[in-house]
Every structure is written in structure tokens, then in C-alpha cells.
PDB file of N, CA and C in Angstrom:
ATOM      1  N   UNK A   1     -10.139   8.496 -31.730  1.00  0.00           N
ATOM      2  CA  UNK A   1     -11.360   9.259 -31.586  1.00  0.00           C
ATOM      3  C   UNK A   1     -11.416   9.957 -30.231  1.00  0.00           C
ATOM      4  N   UNK A   2     -11.032   9.248 -29.151  1.00  0.00           N
ATOM      5  CA  UNK A   2     -11.084   9.845 -27.821  1.00  0.00           C
ATOM      6  C   UNK A   2     -10.188  11.068 -27.707  1.00  0.00           C
ATOM      7  N   UNK A   3      -9.099  11.117 -28.462  1.00  0.00           N
ATOM      8  CA  UNK A   3      -8.176  12.247 -28.367  1.00  0.00           C
ATOM      9  C   UNK A   3      -8.809  13.542 -28.856  1.00  0.00           C
ATOM     10  N   UNK A   4      -9.867  13.456 -29.620  1.00  0.00           N
ATOM     11  CA  UNK A   4     -10.539  14.656 -30.118  1.00  0.00           C
ATOM     12  C   UNK A   4     -11.691  15.098 -29.228  1.00  0.00           C
ATOM     13  N   UNK A   5     -11.997  14.318 -28.213  1.00  0.00           N
ATOM     14  CA  UNK A   5     -13.088  14.660 -27.312  1.00  0.00           C
ATOM     15  C   UNK A   5     -12.563  15.607 -26.245  1.00  0.00           C
ATOM     16  N   UNK A   6     -13.156  16.791 -26.165  1.00  0.00           N
ATOM     17  CA  UNK A   6     -12.765  17.774 -25.155  1.00  0.00           C
ATOM     18  C   UNK A   6     -13.999  18.075 -24.313  1.00  0.00           C
ATOM     19  N   UNK A   7     -13.914  17.732 -23.036  1.00  0.00           N
ATOM     20  CA  UNK A   7     -15.037  17.964 -22.132  1.00  0.00           C
ATOM     21  C   UNK A   7     -14.797  19.218 -21.312  1.00  0.00           C
ATOM     22  N   UNK A   8     -15.834  20.015 -21.086  1.00  0.00           N
ATOM     23  CA  UNK A   8     -15.683  21.163 -20.188  1.00  0.00           C
ATOM     24  C   UNK A   8     -15.265  20.687 -18.799  1.00  0.00           C
ATOM     25  N   UNK A   9     -14.484  21.488 -18.095  1.00  0.00           N
ATOM     26  CA  UNK A   9     -13.929  21.076 -16.805  1.00  0.00           C
ATOM     27  C   UNK A   9     -15.004  20.848 -15.746  1.00  0.00           C
ATOM     28  N   UNK A  10     -16.044  21.650 -15.740  1.00  0.00           N
ATOM     29  CA  UNK A  10     -17.007  21.618 -14.635  1.00  0.00           C
ATOM     30  C   UNK A  10     -18.316  20.913 -14.961  1.00  0.00           C
ATOM     31  N   UNK A  11     -18.295  19.935 -15.850  1.00  0.00           N
ATOM     32  CA  UNK A  11     -19.528  19.212 -16.146  1.00  0.00           C
ATOM     33  C   UNK A  11     -19.847  18.232 -15.017  1.00  0.00           C
ATOM     34  N   UNK A  12     -21.104  17.861 -14.919  1.00  0.00           N
ATOM     35  CA  UNK A  12     -21.525  16.855 -13.947  1.00  0.00           C
ATOM     36  C   UNK A  12     -21.197  15.484 -14.516  1.00  0.00           C
ATOM     37  N   UNK A  13     -20.565  14.658 -13.710  1.00  0.00           N
ATOM     38  CA  UNK A  13     -20.221  13.296 -14.117  1.00  0.00           C
ATOM     39  C   UNK A  13     -21.203  12.325 -13.469  1.00  0.00           C
ATOM     40  N   UNK A  14     -21.665  11.359 -14.224  1.00  0.00           N
ATOM     41  CA  UNK A  14     -22.554  10.320 -13.709  1.00  0.00           C
ATOM     42  C   UNK A  14     -21.812   8.988 -13.763  1.00  0.00           C
ATOM     43  N   UNK A  15     -21.979   8.193 -12.707  1.00  0.00           N
ATOM     44  CA  UNK A  15     -21.262   6.922 -12.620  1.00  0.00           C
ATOM     45  C   UNK A  15     -22.235   5.785 -12.368  1.00  0.00           C
ATOM     46  N   UNK A  16     -21.880   4.616 -12.865  1.00  0.00           N
ATOM     47  CA  UNK A  16     -22.698   3.426 -12.690  1.00  0.00           C
ATOM     48  C   UNK A  16     -22.578   2.889 -11.271  1.00  0.00           C
ATOM     49  N   UNK A  17     -21.390   3.015 -10.687  1.00  0.00           N
ATOM     50  CA  UNK A  17     -21.179   2.452  -9.352  1.00  0.00           C
ATOM     51  C   UNK A  17     -20.610   3.500  -8.401  1.00  0.00           C
ATOM     52  N   UNK A  18     -20.865   3.302  -7.114  1.00  0.00           N
ATOM     53  CA  UNK A  18     -20.306   4.186  -6.096  1.00  0.00           C
ATOM     54  C   UNK A  18     -18.787   4.065  -6.047  1.00  0.00           C
ATOM     55  N   UNK A  19     -18.263   2.895  -6.362  1.00  0.00           N
ATOM     56  CA  UNK A  19     -16.809   2.700  -6.379  1.00  0.00           C
ATOM     57  C   UNK A  19     -16.165   3.608  -7.426  1.00  0.00           C
ATOM     58  N   UNK A  20     -16.771   3.673  -8.613  1.00  0.00           N
ATOM     59  CA  UNK A  20     -16.257   4.554  -9.663  1.00  0.00           C
ATOM     60  C   UNK A  20     -16.366   6.019  -9.248  1.00  0.00           C
ATOM     61  N   UNK A  21     -17.470   6.368  -8.625  1.00  0.00           N
ATOM     62  CA  UNK A  21     -17.668   7.735  -8.138  1.00  0.00           C
ATOM     63  C   UNK A  21     -16.607   8.100  -7.109  1.00  0.00           C
ATOM     64  N   UNK A  22     -16.376   7.207  -6.150  1.00  0.00           N
ATOM     65  CA  UNK A  22     -15.379   7.469  -5.106  1.00  0.00           C
ATOM     66  C   UNK A  22     -13.982   7.630  -5.704  1.00  0.00           C
ATOM     67  N   UNK A  23     -13.641   6.811  -6.680  1.00  0.00           N
ATOM     68  CA  UNK A  23     -12.330   6.920  -7.338  1.00  0.00           C
ATOM     69  C   UNK A  23     -12.187   8.261  -8.053  1.00  0.00           C
ATOM     70  N   UNK A  24     -13.234   8.667  -8.752  1.00  0.00           N
ATOM     71  CA  UNK A  24     -13.214   9.956  -9.446  1.00  0.00           C
ATOM     72  C   UNK A  24     -13.064  11.095  -8.443  1.00  0.00           C
ATOM     73  N   UNK A  25     -13.855  11.046  -7.366  1.00  0.00           N
ATOM     74  CA  UNK A  25     -13.790  12.110  -6.361  1.00  0.00           C
ATOM     75  C   UNK A  25     -12.414  12.185  -5.713  1.00  0.00           C
ATOM     76  N   UNK A  26     -11.821  11.034  -5.400  1.00  0.00           N
ATOM     77  CA  UNK A  26     -10.481  11.022  -4.802  1.00  0.00           C
ATOM     78  C   UNK A  26      -9.465  11.685  -5.732  1.00  0.00           C
ATOM     79  N   UNK A  27      -9.528  11.353  -7.012  1.00  0.00           N
ATOM     80  CA  UNK A  27      -8.606  11.950  -7.986  1.00  0.00           C
ATOM     81  C   UNK A  27      -8.848  13.449  -8.115  1.00  0.00           C
ATOM     82  N   UNK A  28     -10.097  13.853  -8.097  1.00  0.00           N
ATOM     83  CA  UNK A  28     -10.430  15.279  -8.213  1.00  0.00           C
ATOM     84  C   UNK A  28      -9.920  16.051  -7.000  1.00  0.00           C
ATOM     85  N   UNK A  29     -10.092  15.480  -5.798  1.00  0.00           N
ATOM     86  CA  UNK A  29      -9.590  16.143  -4.589  1.00  0.00           C
ATOM     87  C   UNK A  29      -8.083  16.366  -4.680  1.00  0.00           C
ATOM     88  N   UNK A  30      -7.362  15.411  -5.241  1.00  0.00           N
ATOM     89  CA  UNK A  30      -5.903  15.535  -5.361  1.00  0.00           C
ATOM     90  C   UNK A  30      -5.504  16.695  -6.266  1.00  0.00           C
ATOM     91  N   UNK A  31      -6.395  17.109  -7.162  1.00  0.00           N
ATOM     92  CA  UNK A  31      -6.064  18.176  -8.109  1.00  0.00           C
ATOM     93  C   UNK A  31      -6.208  19.572  -7.505  1.00  0.00           C
ATOM     94  N   UNK A  32      -6.876  19.699  -6.357  1.00  0.00           N
ATOM     95  CA  UNK A  32      -7.052  21.014  -5.738  1.00  0.00           C
ATOM     96  C   UNK A  32      -5.801  21.411  -4.967  1.00  0.00           C
ATOM     97  N   UNK A  33      -5.522  22.699  -4.942  1.00  0.00           N
ATOM     98  CA  UNK A  33      -4.345  23.200  -4.239  1.00  0.00           C
ATOM     99  C   UNK A  33      -4.653  23.585  -2.796  1.00  0.00           C
ATOM    100  N   UNK A  34      -5.896  23.534  -2.403  1.00  0.00           N
ATOM    101  CA  UNK A  34      -6.279  23.904  -1.043  1.00  0.00           C
ATOM    102  C   UNK A  34      -6.133  22.708  -0.107  1.00  0.00           C
ATOM    103  N   UNK A  35      -5.985  23.015   1.188  1.00  0.00           N
ATOM    104  CA  UNK A  35      -5.858  21.964   2.199  1.00  0.00           C
ATOM    105  C   UNK A  35      -7.236  21.383   2.517  1.00  0.00           C
ATOM    106  N   UNK A  36      -7.335  20.080   2.657  1.00  0.00           N
ATOM    107  CA  UNK A  36      -8.631  19.485   3.013  1.00  0.00           C
ATOM    108  C   UNK A  36      -8.946  19.676   4.496  1.00  0.00           C
ATOM    109  N   UNK A  37     -10.227  19.651   4.798  1.00  0.00           N
ATOM    110  CA  UNK A  37     -10.718  19.618   6.177  1.00  0.00           C
ATOM    111  C   UNK A  37     -11.654  18.418   6.253  1.00  0.00           C
ATOM    112  N   UNK A  38     -11.864  17.922   7.454  1.00  0.00           N
ATOM    113  CA  UNK A  38     -12.691  16.731   7.615  1.00  0.00           C
ATOM    114  C   UNK A  38     -13.782  17.005   8.634  1.00  0.00           C
ATOM    115  N   UNK A  39     -15.002  16.681   8.274  1.00  0.00           N
ATOM    116  CA  UNK A  39     -16.143  16.806   9.178  1.00  0.00           C
ATOM    117  C   UNK A  39     -16.507  15.406   9.663  1.00  0.00           C
ATOM    118  N   UNK A  40     -16.436  15.214  10.969  1.00  0.00           N
ATOM    119  CA  UNK A  40     -16.738  13.917  11.576  1.00  0.00           C
ATOM    120  C   UNK A  40     -18.177  13.949  12.080  1.00  0.00           C
ATOM    121  N   UNK A  41     -18.943  12.942  11.738  1.00  0.00           N
ATOM    122  CA  UNK A  41     -20.344  12.909  12.165  1.00  0.00           C
ATOM    123  C   UNK A  41     -20.448  12.691  13.669  1.00  0.00           C
ATOM    124  N   UNK A  42     -21.536  13.166  14.225  1.00  0.00           N
ATOM    125  CA  UNK A  42     -21.859  12.916  15.630  1.00  0.00           C
ATOM    126  C   UNK A  42     -23.120  12.062  15.617  1.00  0.00           C
ATOM    127  N   UNK A  43     -22.953  10.789  15.907  1.00  0.00           N
ATOM    128  CA  UNK A  43     -24.065   9.849  15.873  1.00  0.00           C
ATOM    129  C   UNK A  43     -24.524   9.546  17.286  1.00  0.00           C
ATOM    130  N   UNK A  44     -25.800   9.212  17.413  1.00  0.00           N
ATOM    131  CA  UNK A  44     -26.330   8.845  18.722  1.00  0.00           C
ATOM    132  C   UNK A  44     -27.399   7.782  18.566  1.00  0.00           C
ATOM    133  N   UNK A  45     -27.578   7.024  19.622  1.00  0.00           N
ATOM    134  CA  UNK A  45     -28.617   5.998  19.665  1.00  0.00           C
ATOM    135  C   UNK A  45     -29.716   6.517  20.570  1.00  0.00           C
ATOM    136  N   UNK A  46     -30.930   6.544  20.058  1.00  0.00           N
ATOM    137  CA  UNK A  46     -32.078   6.952  20.870  1.00  0.00           C
ATOM    138  C   UNK A  46     -32.841   5.710  21.295  1.00  0.00           C
ATOM    139  N   UNK A  47     -33.436   5.782  22.436  1.00  0.00           N
ATOM    140  CA  UNK A  47     -34.205   4.649  22.931  1.00  0.00           C
ATOM    141  C   UNK A  47     -33.624   4.154  24.237  1.00  0.00           C
ATOM    142  N   UNK A  48     -34.317   3.215  24.817  1.00  0.00           N
ATOM    143  CA  UNK A  48     -33.888   2.713  26.124  1.00  0.00           C
ATOM    144  C   UNK A  48     -33.098   1.418  25.955  1.00  0.00           C
ATOM    145  N   UNK A  49     -31.799   1.531  26.188  1.00  0.00           N
ATOM    146  CA  UNK A  49     -30.902   0.380  26.223  1.00  0.00           C
ATOM    147  C   UNK A  49     -29.668   0.804  27.018  1.00  0.00           C
ATOM    148  N   UNK A  50     -28.872  -0.153  27.366  1.00  0.00           N
ATOM    149  CA  UNK A  50     -27.706   0.151  28.192  1.00  0.00           C
ATOM    150  C   UNK A  50     -26.672   0.941  27.391  1.00  0.00           C
ATOM    151  N   UNK A  51     -25.794   1.624  28.106  1.00  0.00           N
ATOM    152  CA  UNK A  51     -24.724   2.375  27.446  1.00  0.00           C
ATOM    153  C   UNK A  51     -23.828   1.458  26.623  1.00  0.00           C
ATOM    154  N   UNK A  52     -23.622   0.243  27.108  1.00  0.00           N
ATOM    155  CA  UNK A  52     -22.784  -0.712  26.382  1.00  0.00           C
ATOM    156  C   UNK A  52     -23.431  -1.096  25.048  1.00  0.00           C
ATOM    157  N   UNK A  53     -24.739  -1.315  25.050  1.00  0.00           N
ATOM    158  CA  UNK A  53     -25.458  -1.642  23.816  1.00  0.00           C
ATOM    159  C   UNK A  53     -25.381  -0.459  22.852  1.00  0.00           C
ATOM    160  N   UNK A  54     -25.574   0.756  23.371  1.00  0.00           N
ATOM    161  CA  UNK A  54     -25.480   1.950  22.517  1.00  0.00           C
ATOM    162  C   UNK A  54     -24.092   2.061  21.892  1.00  0.00           C
ATOM    163  N   UNK A  55     -23.070   1.839  22.692  1.00  0.00           N
ATOM    164  CA  UNK A  55     -21.698   1.912  22.197  1.00  0.00           C
ATOM    165  C   UNK A  55     -21.453   0.881  21.100  1.00  0.00           C
ATOM    166  N   UNK A  56     -21.943  -0.338  21.292  1.00  0.00           N
ATOM    167  CA  UNK A  56     -21.782  -1.390  20.279  1.00  0.00           C
ATOM    168  C   UNK A  56     -22.526  -1.053  18.994  1.00  0.00           C
ATOM    169  N   UNK A  57     -23.721  -0.501  19.119  1.00  0.00           N
ATOM    170  CA  UNK A  57     -24.490  -0.110  17.937  1.00  0.00           C
ATOM    171  C   UNK A  57     -23.766   0.977  17.147  1.00  0.00           C
ATOM    172  N   UNK A  58     -23.191   1.942  17.853  1.00  0.00           N
ATOM    173  CA  UNK A  58     -22.458   3.012  17.177  1.00  0.00           C
ATOM    174  C   UNK A  58     -21.213   2.474  16.474  1.00  0.00           C
ATOM    175  N   UNK A  59     -20.520   1.545  17.104  1.00  0.00           N
ATOM    176  CA  UNK A  59     -19.343   0.935  16.471  1.00  0.00           C
ATOM    177  C   UNK A  59     -19.740   0.205  15.192  1.00  0.00           C
ATOM    178  N   UNK A  60     -20.844  -0.519  15.250  1.00  0.00           N
ATOM    179  CA  UNK A  60     -21.321  -1.245  14.069  1.00  0.00           C
ATOM    180  C   UNK A  60     -21.719  -0.271  12.960  1.00  0.00           C
ATOM    181  N   UNK A  61     -22.385   0.817  13.342  1.00  0.00           N
ATOM    182  CA  UNK A  61     -22.843   1.794  12.351  1.00  0.00           C
ATOM    183  C   UNK A  61     -21.664   2.436  11.623  1.00  0.00           C
ATOM    184  N   UNK A  62     -20.569   2.685  12.328  1.00  0.00           N
ATOM    185  CA  UNK A  62     -19.392   3.314  11.708  1.00  0.00           C
ATOM    186  C   UNK A  62     -18.746   2.418  10.653  1.00  0.00           C
ATOM    187  N   UNK A  63     -18.971   1.134  10.739  1.00  0.00           N
ATOM    188  CA  UNK A  63     -18.382   0.189   9.785  1.00  0.00           C
ATOM    189  C   UNK A  63     -19.249  -0.012   8.542  1.00  0.00           C
ATOM    190  N   UNK A  64     -20.475   0.483   8.576  1.00  0.00           N
ATOM    191  CA  UNK A  64     -21.384   0.281   7.446  1.00  0.00           C
ATOM    192  C   UNK A  64     -20.936   1.096   6.237  1.00  0.00           C
ATOM    193  N   UNK A  65     -21.103   0.553   5.039  1.00  0.00           N
ATOM    194  CA  UNK A  65     -20.826   1.362   3.849  1.00  0.00           C
ATOM    195  C   UNK A  65     -21.859   2.481   3.740  1.00  0.00           C
ATOM    196  N   UNK A  66     -21.459   3.597   3.127  1.00  0.00           N
ATOM    197  CA  UNK A  66     -22.366   4.752   3.064  1.00  0.00           C
ATOM    198  C   UNK A  66     -23.677   4.419   2.351  1.00  0.00           C
ATOM    199  N   UNK A  67     -23.659   3.428   1.458  1.00  0.00           N
ATOM    200  CA  UNK A  67     -24.881   3.045   0.755  1.00  0.00           C
ATOM    201  C   UNK A  67     -25.933   2.503   1.723  1.00  0.00           C
ATOM    202  N   UNK A  68     -25.492   1.970   2.862  1.00  0.00           N
ATOM    203  CA  UNK A  68     -26.420   1.446   3.864  1.00  0.00           C
ATOM    204  C   UNK A  68     -26.816   2.499   4.889  1.00  0.00           C
ATOM    205  N   UNK A  69     -26.332   3.722   4.703  1.00  0.00           N
ATOM    206  CA  UNK A  69     -26.604   4.820   5.649  1.00  0.00           C
ATOM    207  C   UNK A  69     -27.172   6.021   4.902  1.00  0.00           C
ATOM    208  N   UNK A  70     -28.044   5.787   3.969  1.00  0.00           N
ATOM    209  CA  UNK A  70     -28.630   6.803   3.086  1.00  0.00           C
ATOM    210  C   UNK A  70     -27.581   7.792   2.575  1.00  0.00           C
ATOM    211  N   UNK A  71     -26.403   7.263   2.264  1.00  0.00           N
ATOM    212  CA  UNK A  71     -25.272   8.013   1.701  1.00  0.00           C
ATOM    213  C   UNK A  71     -24.648   9.017   2.662  1.00  0.00           C
ATOM    214  N   UNK A  72     -24.979   8.920   3.948  1.00  0.00           N
ATOM    215  CA  UNK A  72     -24.334   9.786   4.932  1.00  0.00           C
ATOM    216  C   UNK A  72     -23.011   9.157   5.336  1.00  0.00           C
ATOM    217  N   UNK A  73     -21.973   9.952   5.357  1.00  0.00           N
ATOM    218  CA  UNK A  73     -20.632   9.441   5.622  1.00  0.00           C
ATOM    219  C   UNK A  73     -20.221   9.738   7.060  1.00  0.00           C
ATOM    220  N   UNK A  74     -19.431   8.850   7.644  1.00  0.00           N
ATOM    221  CA  UNK A  74     -18.907   9.075   8.992  1.00  0.00           C
ATOM    222  C   UNK A  74     -17.880  10.204   8.961  1.00  0.00           C
ATOM    223  N   UNK A  75     -17.032  10.219   7.933  1.00  0.00           N
ATOM    224  CA  UNK A  75     -16.051  11.292   7.750  1.00  0.00           C
ATOM    225  C   UNK A  75     -16.279  11.890   6.365  1.00  0.00           C
ATOM    226  N   UNK A  76     -16.545  13.197   6.331  1.00  0.00           N
ATOM    227  CA  UNK A  76     -16.773  13.894   5.065  1.00  0.00           C
ATOM    228  C   UNK A  76     -15.577  14.790   4.780  1.00  0.00           C
ATOM    229  N   UNK A  77     -14.925  14.561   3.650  1.00  0.00           N
ATOM    230  CA  UNK A  77     -13.781  15.379   3.255  1.00  0.00           C
ATOM    231  C   UNK A  77     -14.300  16.643   2.589  1.00  0.00           C
ATOM    232  N   UNK A  78     -13.806  17.781   3.057  1.00  0.00           N
ATOM    233  CA  UNK A  78     -14.208  19.079   2.520  1.00  0.00           C
ATOM    234  C   UNK A  78     -12.971  19.814   2.029  1.00  0.00           C
ATOM    235  N   UNK A  79     -13.139  20.515   0.924  1.00  0.00           N
ATOM    236  CA  UNK A  79     -12.007  21.250   0.384  1.00  0.00           C
ATOM    237  C   UNK A  79     -12.515  22.510  -0.306  1.00  0.00           C
ATOM    238  N   UNK A  80     -11.917  23.655   0.060  1.00  0.00           N
ATOM    239  CA  UNK A  80     -12.282  24.925  -0.563  1.00  0.00           C
ATOM    240  C   UNK A  80     -12.038  24.822  -2.067  1.00  0.00           C
ATOM    241  N   UNK A  81     -12.944  25.389  -2.827  1.00  0.00           N
ATOM    242  CA  UNK A  81     -12.956  25.396  -4.297  1.00  0.00           C
ATOM    243  C   UNK A  81     -13.481  24.100  -4.903  1.00  0.00           C
ATOM    244  N   UNK A  82     -13.802  23.121  -4.073  1.00  0.00           N
ATOM    245  CA  UNK A  82     -14.354  21.870  -4.597  1.00  0.00           C
ATOM    246  C   UNK A  82     -15.851  22.039  -4.862  1.00  0.00           C
ATOM    247  N   UNK A  83     -16.311  21.359  -5.883  1.00  0.00           N
ATOM    248  CA  UNK A  83     -17.727  21.381  -6.232  1.00  0.00           C
ATOM    249  C   UNK A  83     -18.407  20.200  -5.550  1.00  0.00           C
ATOM    250  N   UNK A  84     -19.560  20.450  -4.948  1.00  0.00           N
ATOM    251  CA  UNK A  84     -20.301  19.414  -4.227  1.00  0.00           C
ATOM    252  C   UNK A  84     -21.718  19.329  -4.763  1.00  0.00           C
ATOM    253  N   UNK A  85     -22.279  18.125  -4.678  1.00  0.00           N
ATOM    254  CA  UNK A  85     -23.678  17.925  -5.047  1.00  0.00           C
ATOM    255  C   UNK A  85     -24.356  17.148  -3.931  1.00  0.00           C
ATOM    256  N   UNK A  86     -25.525  17.619  -3.533  1.00  0.00           N
ATOM    257  CA  UNK A  86     -26.310  16.944  -2.506  1.00  0.00           C
ATOM    258  C   UNK A  86     -26.932  15.698  -3.132  1.00  0.00           C
ATOM    259  N   UNK A  87     -26.827  14.565  -2.436  1.00  0.00           N
ATOM    260  CA  UNK A  87     -27.342  13.316  -3.007  1.00  0.00           C
ATOM    261  C   UNK A  87     -28.591  12.802  -2.302  1.00  0.00           C
ATOM    262  N   UNK A  88     -29.054  13.524  -1.268  1.00  0.00           N
ATOM    263  CA  UNK A  88     -30.319  13.189  -0.602  1.00  0.00           C
ATOM    264  C   UNK A  88     -31.016  14.489  -0.232  1.00  0.00           C
ATOM    265  N   UNK A  89     -32.314  14.440  -0.003  1.00  0.00           N
ATOM    266  CA  UNK A  89     -33.044  15.621   0.440  1.00  0.00           C
ATOM    267  C   UNK A  89     -32.719  15.892   1.904  1.00  0.00           C
ATOM    268  N   UNK A  90     -32.120  17.051   2.186  1.00  0.00           N
ATOM    269  CA  UNK A  90     -31.752  17.414   3.549  1.00  0.00           C
ATOM    270  C   UNK A  90     -32.751  18.413   4.119  1.00  0.00           C
ATOM    271  N   UNK A  91     -32.978  19.503   3.411  1.00  0.00           N
ATOM    272  CA  UNK A  91     -33.916  20.532   3.861  1.00  0.00           C
ATOM    273  C   UNK A  91     -34.637  21.067   2.632  1.00  0.00           C
ATOM    274  N   UNK A  92     -35.777  20.479   2.331  1.00  0.00           N
ATOM    275  CA  UNK A  92     -36.478  20.849   1.102  1.00  0.00           C
ATOM    276  C   UNK A  92     -36.984  22.287   1.141  1.00  0.00           C
ATOM    277  N   UNK A  93     -37.278  22.822   2.322  1.00  0.00           N
ATOM    278  CA  UNK A  93     -37.730  24.214   2.420  1.00  0.00           C
ATOM    279  C   UNK A  93     -36.611  25.193   2.091  1.00  0.00           C
ATOM    280  N   UNK A  94     -35.378  24.795   2.316  1.00  0.00           N
ATOM    281  CA  UNK A  94     -34.226  25.670   2.108  1.00  0.00           C
ATOM    282  C   UNK A  94     -33.520  25.391   0.782  1.00  0.00           C
ATOM    283  N   UNK A  95     -34.052  24.465  -0.015  1.00  0.00           N
ATOM    284  CA  UNK A  95     -33.462  24.165  -1.315  1.00  0.00           C
ATOM    285  C   UNK A  95     -32.297  23.194  -1.268  1.00  0.00           C
ATOM    286  N   UNK A  96     -32.042  22.604  -0.089  1.00  0.00           N
ATOM    287  CA  UNK A  96     -30.951  21.627   0.022  1.00  0.00           C
ATOM    288  C   UNK A  96     -31.541  20.260  -0.306  1.00  0.00           C
ATOM    289  N   UNK A  97     -31.625  19.990  -1.596  1.00  0.00           N
ATOM    290  CA  UNK A  97     -32.316  18.797  -2.080  1.00  0.00           C
ATOM    291  C   UNK A  97     -31.403  17.991  -2.998  1.00  0.00           C
ATOM    292  N   UNK A  98     -31.793  16.765  -3.252  1.00  0.00           N
ATOM    293  CA  UNK A  98     -31.061  15.880  -4.148  1.00  0.00           C
ATOM    294  C   UNK A  98     -30.820  16.579  -5.483  1.00  0.00           C
ATOM    295  N   UNK A  99     -29.562  16.667  -5.874  1.00  0.00           N
ATOM    296  CA  UNK A  99     -29.206  17.294  -7.141  1.00  0.00           C
ATOM    297  C   UNK A  99     -28.733  18.731  -7.017  1.00  0.00           C
ATOM    298  N   UNK A 100     -28.965  19.379  -5.862  1.00  0.00           N
ATOM    299  CA  UNK A 100     -28.478  20.747  -5.670  1.00  0.00           C
ATOM    300  C   UNK A 100     -26.951  20.727  -5.649  1.00  0.00           C
ATOM    301  N   UNK A 101     -26.341  21.689  -6.324  1.00  0.00           N
ATOM    302  CA  UNK A 101     -24.880  21.718  -6.418  1.00  0.00           C
ATOM    303  C   UNK A 101     -24.356  23.086  -6.009  1.00  0.00           C
ATOM    304  N   UNK A 102     -23.120  23.102  -5.585  1.00  0.00           N
ATOM    305  CA  UNK A 102     -22.479  24.355  -5.211  1.00  0.00           C
ATOM    306  C   UNK A 102     -20.983  24.157  -5.063  1.00  0.00           C
ATOM    307  N   UNK A 103     -20.285  25.261  -4.855  1.00  0.00           N
ATOM    308  CA  UNK A 103     -18.838  25.235  -4.662  1.00  0.00           C
ATOM    309  C   UNK A 103     -18.544  25.729  -3.255  1.00  0.00           C
ATOM    310  N   UNK A 104     -17.733  24.987  -2.525  1.00  0.00           N
ATOM    311  CA  UNK A 104     -17.349  25.376  -1.172  1.00  0.00           C
ATOM    312  C   UNK A 104     -16.350  26.523  -1.268  1.00  0.00           C
ATOM    313  N   UNK A 105     -16.701  27.671  -0.707  1.00  0.00           N
ATOM    314  CA  UNK A 105     -15.862  28.858  -0.818  1.00  0.00           C
ATOM    315  C   UNK A 105     -15.053  29.159   0.436  1.00  0.00           C
ATOM    316  N   UNK A 106     -15.537  28.712   1.614  1.00  0.00           N
ATOM    317  CA  UNK A 106     -14.845  29.062   2.852  1.00  0.00           C
ATOM    318  C   UNK A 106     -15.149  28.031   3.924  1.00  0.00           C
ATOM    319  N   UNK A 107     -14.151  27.740   4.753  1.00  0.00           N
ATOM    320  CA  UNK A 107     -14.335  26.883   5.917  1.00  0.00           C
ATOM    321  C   UNK A 107     -13.908  27.690   7.128  1.00  0.00           C
ATOM    322  N   UNK A 108     -14.808  27.843   8.093  1.00  0.00           N
ATOM    323  CA  UNK A 108     -14.472  28.574   9.331  1.00  0.00           C
ATOM    324  C   UNK A 108     -13.791  27.665  10.313  1.00  0.00           C
TER     325      UNK A 108
END
């Protein structure tokens, strides 16, 4: 029965677990012919504490799974021609909201 199922290439996939989602995304990235780029987050600690405490907090934060960081990743893999979907509300006035999708066309 599965051999007769033909899915359109660009449908939205829904997953039960983040692990399944990550596996799917990794496989999809491998299928693109473009070179990946990586965006590294710039994190900071606000408030009054010593530089050593701030440094330790940042180290701990980098080890957290993305599920504990409102799905924000320390390293975001980007690839031209890849389809992306926003998973949290970033800028509701600009339409960058949960569920918004697009295709990355250019990296400067």
C-alpha cells in the first residue's frame, strides 16, 4: 500500500517528537546541492553579577536543549533553497510569526 502513496515534495511535515523532526531536517539538508552556512547566536547575561558568573551562565545555556530555550538554537544551519518555518512569534507586526514559512534565496 505504501508504494502507491505519492506525496508532493514541498508539503509541510508534522512530527510527534523534536528528535524525529531533527532527523528529518538533517536528511533534507543533505539533499540540497548548496553549501550550508551557520549562524551562531550572540547571547548575553543582563543584571549585576561578576564576569565569571556571567561566563558560567552562558556556558550552561549553550548546553541546554533547544526545547528549554523557546526553540532558539545556539547554531542555526542555513542553506540556500531550503524551506524554513518559524516556530515562535518573533515579530508579529512584521508577520514573522509561528507557522510563517519561506524559502531562503540568498545569504550575504
